[in-house]
Amino acid sequence: MKLARAIHFDESDTQVFHKPARTGEWAISGGFEFSNWAEADLNGKARQAFANGWLGVETFGRVTFVAATQIEPAELEVLADTLAQHFVTIYGAPSLEQARVVALDELKHMVELCDEQDANTLLAVQRELTDAGVKESFRMIKSPDAELEMLAVHADLEE
């Protein structure tokens, strides 16, 4: 089974996100954070997090790129507990048990994205607001195909 780990090619994530994820931490899409957002919420570093930030499940910081890598079932269980606690603490989930069901769904979605990828395949996320809500699309970049121009794309924080 595979999941994604945060990866950094330079220090840009420390400049474009309010809180950058730690290199090597497990990551998920984290699009749920933006479920109630509107255009007015999309400015500066918040816009960058929305536009293409993955969510680290240990620091709850954001990262631009993740890489598919092997995860053990016991590690996934610990992540489910961590994410469930986050849902209770930050989002007011009614119980750890109910939050854990949602946490497992989030992790399962990420496993499905990563599982068929070769090890070290890079993943990028792109989000947009639509009338139906947040739309996410994903791009997989095989490591031999990765070029610097594909990896160094960030929004202008002044927008």
N, C-alpha and C. Protein backbone atom coordinates (compact mmCIF):
# COMPACT_ATOMS: atom_id res chain seq x y z
N MET A 1 0.86 -1.16 0.00
CA MET A 1 0.00 0.00 0.00
C MET A 1 0.91 1.24 0.00
N LYS A 2 0.48 2.27 -0.73
CA LYS A 2 1.26 3.51 -0.81
C LYS A 2 0.43 4.70 -0.33
N LEU A 3 1.16 5.67 0.19
CA LEU A 3 0.59 6.95 0.58
C LEU A 3 1.60 8.00 0.12
N ALA A 4 1.36 9.24 0.40
CA ALA A 4 2.25 10.31 -0.06
C ALA A 4 3.01 10.93 1.10
N ARG A 5 4.25 11.28 0.81
CA ARG A 5 5.09 12.00 1.77
C ARG A 5 5.44 13.36 1.19
N ALA A 6 5.47 14.36 2.06
CA ALA A 6 5.84 15.72 1.66
C ALA A 6 7.28 15.73 1.16
N ILE A 7 7.49 16.46 0.08
CA ILE A 7 8.82 16.59 -0.49
C ILE A 7 9.07 18.05 -0.85
N HIS A 8 10.29 18.50 -0.64
CA HIS A 8 10.67 19.88 -0.95
C HIS A 8 11.88 19.87 -1.86
N PHE A 9 11.85 20.68 -2.89
CA PHE A 9 12.98 20.83 -3.81
C PHE A 9 13.77 22.08 -3.50
N ASP A 10 13.15 22.99 -2.76
CA ASP A 10 13.79 24.24 -2.37
C ASP A 10 13.04 24.78 -1.16
N GLU A 11 13.30 25.99 -0.80
CA GLU A 11 12.68 26.59 0.39
C GLU A 11 11.39 27.35 0.09
N SER A 12 10.88 27.27 -1.14
CA SER A 12 9.73 28.10 -1.53
C SER A 12 8.49 27.86 -0.68
N ASP A 13 8.25 26.62 -0.24
CA ASP A 13 7.06 26.36 0.58
C ASP A 13 7.08 27.15 1.88
N THR A 14 8.27 27.44 2.40
CA THR A 14 8.35 28.22 3.64
C THR A 14 7.94 29.67 3.40
N GLN A 15 7.95 30.09 2.15
CA GLN A 15 7.60 31.46 1.80
C GLN A 15 6.14 31.60 1.36
N VAL A 16 5.56 30.55 0.78
CA VAL A 16 4.23 30.70 0.17
C VAL A 16 3.08 30.15 1.01
N PHE A 17 3.38 29.37 2.05
CA PHE A 17 2.32 28.85 2.92
C PHE A 17 2.47 29.45 4.31
N HIS A 18 1.31 29.69 4.97
CA HIS A 18 1.35 30.20 6.35
C HIS A 18 2.13 29.23 7.24
N LYS A 19 1.87 27.94 7.05
CA LYS A 19 2.55 26.91 7.82
C LYS A 19 2.97 25.81 6.85
N PRO A 20 4.26 25.68 6.57
CA PRO A 20 4.70 24.63 5.65
C PRO A 20 4.74 23.26 6.34
N ALA A 21 4.45 22.23 5.57
CA ALA A 21 4.57 20.86 6.07
C ALA A 21 6.05 20.53 6.22
N ARG A 22 6.33 19.55 7.06
CA ARG A 22 7.70 19.10 7.27
C ARG A 22 8.07 18.09 6.19
N THR A 23 9.27 18.19 5.66
CA THR A 23 9.75 17.23 4.66
C THR A 23 9.64 15.82 5.22
N GLY A 24 9.04 14.93 4.44
CA GLY A 24 8.94 13.53 4.83
C GLY A 24 7.69 13.15 5.59
N GLU A 25 6.90 14.12 6.02
CA GLU A 25 5.69 13.73 6.75
C GLU A 25 4.63 13.22 5.77
N TRP A 26 3.76 12.36 6.25
CA TRP A 26 2.68 11.83 5.43
C TRP A 26 1.72 12.96 5.09
N ALA A 27 1.14 12.90 3.89
CA ALA A 27 0.27 13.98 3.43
C ALA A 27 -0.96 13.44 2.72
N ILE A 28 -2.01 14.23 2.77
CA ILE A 28 -3.26 13.95 2.06
C ILE A 28 -3.67 15.22 1.33
N SER A 29 -4.71 15.11 0.53
CA SER A 29 -5.20 16.28 -0.21
C SER A 29 -5.56 17.42 0.75
N GLY A 30 -6.38 17.13 1.73
CA GLY A 30 -6.77 18.15 2.69
C GLY A 30 -7.73 19.18 2.14
N GLY A 31 -8.41 18.86 1.04
CA GLY A 31 -9.36 19.78 0.44
C GLY A 31 -10.54 20.12 1.34
N PHE A 32 -10.80 19.26 2.33
CA PHE A 32 -11.92 19.51 3.25
C PHE A 32 -11.78 20.86 3.95
N GLU A 33 -10.55 21.31 4.13
CA GLU A 33 -10.31 22.59 4.82
C GLU A 33 -10.98 23.76 4.08
N PHE A 34 -11.20 23.60 2.80
CA PHE A 34 -11.71 24.70 1.97
C PHE A 34 -13.19 24.56 1.62
N SER A 35 -13.89 23.63 2.23
CA SER A 35 -15.26 23.32 1.83
C SER A 35 -16.22 24.50 1.96
N ASN A 36 -15.95 25.41 2.87
CA ASN A 36 -16.85 26.56 3.06
C ASN A 36 -16.25 27.86 2.57
N TRP A 37 -15.22 27.78 1.75
CA TRP A 37 -14.54 28.99 1.29
C TRP A 37 -15.27 29.62 0.11
N ALA A 38 -15.06 30.93 -0.04
CA ALA A 38 -15.57 31.69 -1.17
C ALA A 38 -14.41 32.47 -1.78
N GLU A 39 -14.64 33.11 -2.90
CA GLU A 39 -13.58 33.88 -3.58
C GLU A 39 -12.90 34.87 -2.63
N ALA A 40 -13.66 35.46 -1.73
CA ALA A 40 -13.11 36.45 -0.81
C ALA A 40 -12.04 35.85 0.12
N ASP A 41 -12.07 34.54 0.32
CA ASP A 41 -11.09 33.87 1.18
C ASP A 41 -9.77 33.61 0.46
N LEU A 42 -9.76 33.78 -0.86
CA LEU A 42 -8.61 33.39 -1.67
C LEU A 42 -7.69 34.56 -1.94
N ASN A 43 -6.81 34.82 -0.98
CA ASN A 43 -5.81 35.86 -1.19
C ASN A 43 -4.52 35.48 -0.46
N GLY A 44 -3.40 35.95 -0.97
CA GLY A 44 -2.10 35.73 -0.36
C GLY A 44 -1.77 34.26 -0.15
N LYS A 45 -1.27 33.96 1.02
CA LYS A 45 -0.83 32.61 1.33
C LYS A 45 -2.01 31.63 1.41
N ALA A 46 -3.17 32.13 1.79
CA ALA A 46 -4.36 31.28 1.82
C ALA A 46 -4.72 30.83 0.40
N ARG A 47 -4.56 31.72 -0.57
CA ARG A 47 -4.82 31.37 -1.97
C ARG A 47 -3.87 30.26 -2.42
N GLN A 48 -2.61 30.37 -2.04
CA GLN A 48 -1.63 29.36 -2.43
C GLN A 48 -1.97 28.01 -1.81
N ALA A 49 -2.34 27.99 -0.55
CA ALA A 49 -2.72 26.74 0.12
C ALA A 49 -3.93 26.13 -0.59
N PHE A 50 -4.90 26.96 -0.91
CA PHE A 50 -6.07 26.48 -1.63
C PHE A 50 -5.70 25.97 -3.02
N ALA A 51 -4.95 26.74 -3.76
CA ALA A 51 -4.67 26.43 -5.16
C ALA A 51 -3.92 25.12 -5.34
N ASN A 52 -2.90 24.88 -4.52
CA ASN A 52 -2.13 23.64 -4.76
C ASN A 52 -1.36 23.14 -3.55
N GLY A 53 -1.94 23.24 -2.38
CA GLY A 53 -1.27 22.73 -1.19
C GLY A 53 -1.83 21.41 -0.70
N TRP A 54 -0.94 20.43 -0.54
CA TRP A 54 -1.29 19.17 0.13
C TRP A 54 -1.22 19.42 1.63
N LEU A 55 -1.91 18.63 2.43
CA LEU A 55 -1.93 18.80 3.88
C LEU A 55 -1.09 17.73 4.55
N GLY A 56 -0.07 18.16 5.30
CA GLY A 56 0.71 17.22 6.11
C GLY A 56 -0.13 16.76 7.29
N VAL A 57 -0.12 15.46 7.56
CA VAL A 57 -0.99 14.90 8.60
C VAL A 57 -0.30 14.88 9.97
N GLU A 58 0.90 15.38 10.05
CA GLU A 58 1.58 15.44 11.34
C GLU A 58 1.63 16.89 11.84
N THR A 59 1.99 17.83 10.98
CA THR A 59 2.07 19.25 11.37
C THR A 59 0.83 20.03 10.96
N PHE A 60 0.05 19.46 10.05
CA PHE A 60 -1.10 20.13 9.43
C PHE A 60 -0.68 21.40 8.70
N GLY A 61 0.55 21.37 8.21
CA GLY A 61 1.06 22.41 7.32
C GLY A 61 0.84 21.99 5.87
N ARG A 62 1.17 22.87 4.95
CA ARG A 62 0.95 22.62 3.53
C ARG A 62 2.27 22.44 2.79
N VAL A 63 2.20 21.70 1.68
CA VAL A 63 3.36 21.42 0.83
C VAL A 63 2.88 21.37 -0.62
N THR A 64 3.74 21.78 -1.54
CA THR A 64 3.37 21.83 -2.95
C THR A 64 3.43 20.47 -3.62
N PHE A 65 4.43 19.67 -3.28
CA PHE A 65 4.60 18.36 -3.92
C PHE A 65 4.69 17.26 -2.89
N VAL A 66 4.15 16.10 -3.27
CA VAL A 66 4.28 14.89 -2.47
C VAL A 66 4.79 13.78 -3.39
N ALA A 67 5.32 12.74 -2.77
CA ALA A 67 5.82 11.60 -3.53
C ALA A 67 5.19 10.32 -2.99
N ALA A 68 4.75 9.46 -3.89
CA ALA A 68 4.15 8.18 -3.51
C ALA A 68 5.23 7.27 -2.93
N THR A 69 4.91 6.68 -1.79
CA THR A 69 5.86 5.77 -1.14
C THR A 69 5.11 4.75 -0.29
N GLN A 70 5.77 3.69 0.03
CA GLN A 70 5.17 2.58 0.78
C GLN A 70 4.81 3.01 2.20
N ILE A 71 3.65 2.54 2.67
CA ILE A 71 3.24 2.78 4.07
C ILE A 71 2.77 1.45 4.64
N GLU A 72 3.06 1.22 5.89
CA GLU A 72 2.62 0.01 6.58
C GLU A 72 1.24 0.24 7.18
N PRO A 73 0.42 -0.80 7.25
CA PRO A 73 -0.93 -0.65 7.82
C PRO A 73 -0.93 -0.03 9.22
N ALA A 74 0.03 -0.38 10.05
CA ALA A 74 0.08 0.19 11.40
C ALA A 74 0.32 1.70 11.35
N GLU A 75 1.12 2.17 10.40
CA GLU A 75 1.36 3.60 10.25
C GLU A 75 0.07 4.31 9.83
N LEU A 76 -0.69 3.68 8.94
CA LEU A 76 -1.95 4.25 8.48
C LEU A 76 -2.94 4.38 9.63
N GLU A 77 -2.95 3.41 10.52
CA GLU A 77 -3.84 3.45 11.69
C GLU A 77 -3.49 4.63 12.60
N VAL A 78 -2.20 4.87 12.81
CA VAL A 78 -1.76 6.00 13.63
C VAL A 78 -2.19 7.31 12.97
N LEU A 79 -2.04 7.40 11.64
CA LEU A 79 -2.46 8.61 10.92
C LEU A 79 -3.97 8.83 11.05
N ALA A 80 -4.74 7.74 11.00
CA ALA A 80 -6.19 7.86 11.15
C ALA A 80 -6.54 8.44 12.51
N ASP A 81 -5.85 7.98 13.53
CA ASP A 81 -6.09 8.52 14.88
C ASP A 81 -5.72 10.00 14.97
N THR A 82 -4.57 10.34 14.39
CA THR A 82 -4.10 11.74 14.41
C THR A 82 -5.08 12.65 13.67
N LEU A 83 -5.51 12.22 12.50
CA LEU A 83 -6.44 13.01 11.70
C LEU A 83 -7.81 13.12 12.39
N ALA A 84 -8.26 12.03 12.99
CA ALA A 84 -9.54 12.06 13.72
C ALA A 84 -9.47 13.07 14.86
N GLN A 85 -8.37 13.09 15.59
CA GLN A 85 -8.23 14.05 16.69
C GLN A 85 -8.25 15.47 16.14
N HIS A 86 -7.62 15.69 14.99
CA HIS A 86 -7.63 17.00 14.34
C HIS A 86 -9.07 17.43 14.01
N PHE A 87 -9.85 16.49 13.49
CA PHE A 87 -11.24 16.79 13.15
C PHE A 87 -12.05 17.18 14.39
N VAL A 88 -11.78 16.54 15.51
CA VAL A 88 -12.49 16.86 16.75
C VAL A 88 -12.02 18.22 17.28
N THR A 89 -10.72 18.41 17.34
CA THR A 89 -10.15 19.62 17.93
C THR A 89 -10.40 20.87 17.09
N ILE A 90 -10.17 20.77 15.78
CA ILE A 90 -10.24 21.94 14.90
C ILE A 90 -11.62 22.15 14.30
N TYR A 91 -12.28 21.07 13.91
CA TYR A 91 -13.55 21.21 13.19
C TYR A 91 -14.77 20.85 14.03
N GLY A 92 -14.58 20.46 15.28
CA GLY A 92 -15.70 20.20 16.16
C GLY A 92 -16.46 18.92 15.86
N ALA A 93 -15.79 17.91 15.32
CA ALA A 93 -16.46 16.62 15.09
C ALA A 93 -17.03 16.14 16.43
N PRO A 94 -18.21 15.50 16.38
CA PRO A 94 -18.90 15.15 17.62
C PRO A 94 -18.20 14.08 18.47
N SER A 95 -17.39 13.22 17.84
CA SER A 95 -16.69 12.19 18.61
C SER A 95 -15.48 11.69 17.82
N LEU A 96 -14.54 11.12 18.54
CA LEU A 96 -13.38 10.53 17.87
C LEU A 96 -13.79 9.37 16.96
N GLU A 97 -14.78 8.61 17.39
CA GLU A 97 -15.22 7.46 16.60
C GLU A 97 -15.79 7.92 15.25
N GLN A 98 -16.64 8.92 15.28
CA GLN A 98 -17.22 9.44 14.03
C GLN A 98 -16.15 10.12 13.18
N ALA A 99 -15.26 10.84 13.83
CA ALA A 99 -14.19 11.52 13.10
C ALA A 99 -13.23 10.51 12.46
N ARG A 100 -13.02 9.38 13.12
CA ARG A 100 -12.11 8.37 12.58
C ARG A 100 -12.65 7.78 11.28
N VAL A 101 -13.95 7.64 11.17
CA VAL A 101 -14.55 7.14 9.92
C VAL A 101 -14.22 8.08 8.77
N VAL A 102 -14.36 9.38 9.00
CA VAL A 102 -14.05 10.38 7.98
C VAL A 102 -12.54 10.40 7.71
N ALA A 103 -11.74 10.30 8.75
CA ALA A 103 -10.29 10.27 8.59
C ALA A 103 -9.86 9.09 7.72
N LEU A 104 -10.43 7.94 7.97
CA LEU A 104 -10.11 6.76 7.16
C LEU A 104 -10.52 6.96 5.71
N ASP A 105 -11.64 7.63 5.47
CA ASP A 105 -12.07 7.93 4.10
C ASP A 105 -11.06 8.84 3.41
N GLU A 106 -10.58 9.86 4.10
CA GLU A 106 -9.58 10.78 3.54
C GLU A 106 -8.30 10.02 3.20
N LEU A 107 -7.87 9.17 4.10
CA LEU A 107 -6.65 8.40 3.87
C LEU A 107 -6.83 7.39 2.74
N LYS A 108 -8.01 6.76 2.68
CA LYS A 108 -8.30 5.80 1.62
C LYS A 108 -8.23 6.49 0.25
N HIS A 109 -8.78 7.69 0.17
CA HIS A 109 -8.73 8.45 -1.08
C HIS A 109 -7.28 8.68 -1.51
N MET A 110 -6.42 9.02 -0.56
CA MET A 110 -5.02 9.26 -0.88
C MET A 110 -4.31 7.96 -1.26
N VAL A 111 -4.64 6.88 -0.58
CA VAL A 111 -4.06 5.57 -0.93
C VAL A 111 -4.45 5.22 -2.37
N GLU A 112 -5.71 5.47 -2.74
CA GLU A 112 -6.15 5.18 -4.11
C GLU A 112 -5.39 6.01 -5.13
N LEU A 113 -5.06 7.26 -4.79
CA LEU A 113 -4.28 8.10 -5.70
C LEU A 113 -2.85 7.58 -5.86
N CYS A 114 -2.30 7.07 -4.77
CA CYS A 114 -0.88 6.69 -4.76
C CYS A 114 -0.61 5.23 -5.11
N ASP A 115 -1.54 4.36 -4.81
CA ASP A 115 -1.27 2.92 -4.85
C ASP A 115 -0.78 2.42 -6.21
N GLU A 116 -1.32 2.93 -7.29
CA GLU A 116 -0.92 2.43 -8.61
C GLU A 116 0.26 3.20 -9.20
N GLN A 117 0.79 4.14 -8.45
CA GLN A 117 1.94 4.92 -8.93
C GLN A 117 3.23 4.19 -8.59
N ASP A 118 4.24 4.40 -9.43
CA ASP A 118 5.56 3.89 -9.11
C ASP A 118 6.07 4.64 -7.88
N ALA A 119 6.93 3.98 -7.13
CA ALA A 119 7.55 4.65 -5.97
C ALA A 119 8.24 5.93 -6.44
N ASN A 120 8.12 6.97 -5.64
CA ASN A 120 8.72 8.28 -5.89
C ASN A 120 8.06 9.08 -7.00
N THR A 121 6.91 8.63 -7.50
CA THR A 121 6.16 9.46 -8.44
C THR A 121 5.70 10.70 -7.69
N LEU A 122 5.91 11.86 -8.30
CA LEU A 122 5.47 13.12 -7.69
C LEU A 122 4.01 13.35 -7.99
N LEU A 123 3.30 13.93 -7.05
CA LEU A 123 1.91 14.28 -7.24
C LEU A 123 1.73 15.77 -6.95
N ALA A 124 0.93 16.41 -7.79
CA ALA A 124 0.57 17.82 -7.62
C ALA A 124 -0.94 17.91 -7.61
N VAL A 125 -1.48 18.83 -6.82
CA VAL A 125 -2.91 19.05 -6.75
C VAL A 125 -3.21 20.45 -7.24
N GLN A 126 -4.36 20.59 -7.89
CA GLN A 126 -4.82 21.91 -8.30
C GLN A 126 -6.30 22.00 -7.93
N ARG A 127 -6.67 23.11 -7.29
CA ARG A 127 -8.05 23.31 -6.87
C ARG A 127 -8.62 24.56 -7.50
N GLU A 128 -9.93 24.52 -7.69
CA GLU A 128 -10.66 25.71 -8.12
C GLU A 128 -12.03 25.71 -7.46
N LEU A 129 -12.56 26.90 -7.24
CA LEU A 129 -13.92 27.02 -6.72
C LEU A 129 -14.89 26.97 -7.90
N THR A 130 -15.91 26.17 -7.77
CA THR A 130 -16.95 26.09 -8.78
C THR A 130 -18.30 26.33 -8.10
N ASP A 131 -19.35 26.42 -8.88
CA ASP A 131 -20.69 26.59 -8.29
C ASP A 131 -21.06 25.40 -7.41
N ALA A 132 -20.48 24.23 -7.71
CA ALA A 132 -20.77 23.02 -6.94
C ALA A 132 -19.84 22.86 -5.74
N GLY A 133 -18.85 23.73 -5.60
CA GLY A 133 -17.91 23.62 -4.49
C GLY A 133 -16.48 23.56 -4.99
N VAL A 134 -15.61 22.95 -4.20
CA VAL A 134 -14.20 22.85 -4.54
C VAL A 134 -13.97 21.68 -5.49
N LYS A 135 -13.30 21.97 -6.60
CA LYS A 135 -12.95 20.92 -7.56
C LYS A 135 -11.45 20.70 -7.49
N GLU A 136 -11.06 19.44 -7.29
CA GLU A 136 -9.64 19.09 -7.24
C GLU A 136 -9.27 18.27 -8.46
N SER A 137 -8.09 18.54 -8.97
CA SER A 137 -7.53 17.69 -10.03
C SER A 137 -6.09 17.37 -9.62
N PHE A 138 -5.62 16.23 -10.10
CA PHE A 138 -4.33 15.73 -9.67
C PHE A 138 -3.47 15.44 -10.89
N ARG A 139 -2.18 15.71 -10.73
CA ARG A 139 -1.22 15.42 -11.80
C ARG A 139 -0.14 14.53 -11.22
N MET A 140 0.19 13.46 -11.94
CA MET A 140 1.25 12.56 -11.53
C MET A 140 2.45 12.79 -12.44
N ILE A 141 3.61 12.95 -11.83
CA ILE A 141 4.84 13.22 -12.57
C ILE A 141 5.83 12.12 -12.24
N LYS A 142 6.07 11.25 -13.20
CA LYS A 142 7.06 10.19 -13.00
C LYS A 142 8.42 10.84 -12.79
N SER A 143 9.18 10.38 -11.85
CA SER A 143 10.43 11.06 -11.49
C SER A 143 11.40 11.24 -12.66
N PRO A 144 11.57 10.31 -13.60
CA PRO A 144 12.49 10.59 -14.72
C PRO A 144 11.97 11.70 -15.64
N ASP A 145 10.65 11.96 -15.63
CA ASP A 145 10.06 12.98 -16.49
C ASP A 145 10.04 14.36 -15.86
N ALA A 146 10.32 14.44 -14.58
CA ALA A 146 10.21 15.71 -13.88
C ALA A 146 11.28 16.69 -14.35
N GLU A 147 10.84 17.88 -14.70
CA GLU A 147 11.75 18.95 -15.10
C GLU A 147 11.55 20.12 -14.15
N LEU A 148 12.56 20.92 -13.96
CA LEU A 148 12.50 22.02 -13.01
C LEU A 148 11.32 22.95 -13.30
N GLU A 149 11.03 23.22 -14.56
CA GLU A 149 9.92 24.13 -14.89
C GLU A 149 8.59 23.60 -14.36
N MET A 150 8.46 22.28 -14.26
CA MET A 150 7.21 21.69 -13.78
C MET A 150 7.10 21.80 -12.27
N LEU A 151 8.22 21.99 -11.60
CA LEU A 151 8.23 21.92 -10.15
C LEU A 151 8.25 23.28 -9.48
N ALA A 152 8.58 24.32 -10.20
CA ALA A 152 8.78 25.63 -9.59
C ALA A 152 7.67 26.60 -9.99
N VAL A 153 6.42 26.21 -9.77
CA VAL A 153 5.29 27.06 -10.14
C VAL A 153 4.57 27.48 -8.86
N HIS A 154 4.57 28.80 -8.62
CA HIS A 154 3.87 29.33 -7.45
C HIS A 154 3.13 30.59 -7.85
N ALA A 155 2.06 30.85 -7.16
CA ALA A 155 1.26 32.04 -7.44
C ALA A 155 1.95 33.28 -6.91
N ASP A 156 1.53 34.40 -7.42
CA ASP A 156 2.00 35.69 -6.93
C ASP A 156 1.25 36.00 -5.64
N LEU A 157 1.97 36.17 -4.55
CA LEU A 157 1.34 36.39 -3.25
C LEU A 157 0.70 37.76 -3.13
N GLU A 158 0.98 38.65 -4.05
CA GLU A 158 0.42 40.00 -4.01
C GLU A 158 -1.00 40.05 -4.56
N GLU A 159 -1.45 38.99 -5.21
CA GLU A 159 -2.80 38.98 -5.79
C GLU A 159 -3.87 38.95 -4.73
